[in-house]
Amino acid sequence: MTSDSPITIYSIGFTKISAEQFFGSLIKSGVKKIIDVRLNNISQLSGFAKKKDLEYFLRALGNISYVHMPLLAPTENMLREYREKRDWEKYEQRFKCLLEERKIEDKLNPSELDKGCLLCAEETPLHCHRRLVAEYLQRKWGNVKITHLVPT
């Protein structure tokens, strides 16, 4: 990255929180765009997080844009294996290799992600690929501030 001013990448999960907490956190933080990093963005886990509903609520409540980026999602096989075996260390290594193979840092424009928020289902970033994506971009681009939104 060539700019001296840092970009901010947020992350948020929607499991176990209300729509009020979710949208309130996004609006309060100043998020400009949701970057949906789920493989499947029509999830049944939370009604407000389905693609069409989410796009509407983001626009109507916070003038926040929405983009689905499967480039930043795990493969279906990788996700299935993790769900079956629950081996986070193996999943994390495989996912980091996938990001390297995909060379996401060359396919994304840092300014387009500034004040963007990586969205996934996981309640916390600890065992979620959204954290791995943000940390990977921070390593590759340098001047990136990561803020994991924790709804209150």
Foldseek 3Di string as FASTA:
>chain_A
DPDPAFFEEEEAADAPDDPCLVQVLLQVVQQAEEEEQELQQCDPRDPCRRDVNVQVCCCVPHVHHYDYDPLLYDDPVLVVVCVVPVPLVVSLVVSLVSCVVSVVLVVDDRVVRGSYYYYDHDHFPPRDSSVVVQVSNCVVVPRYHYHYGHGD
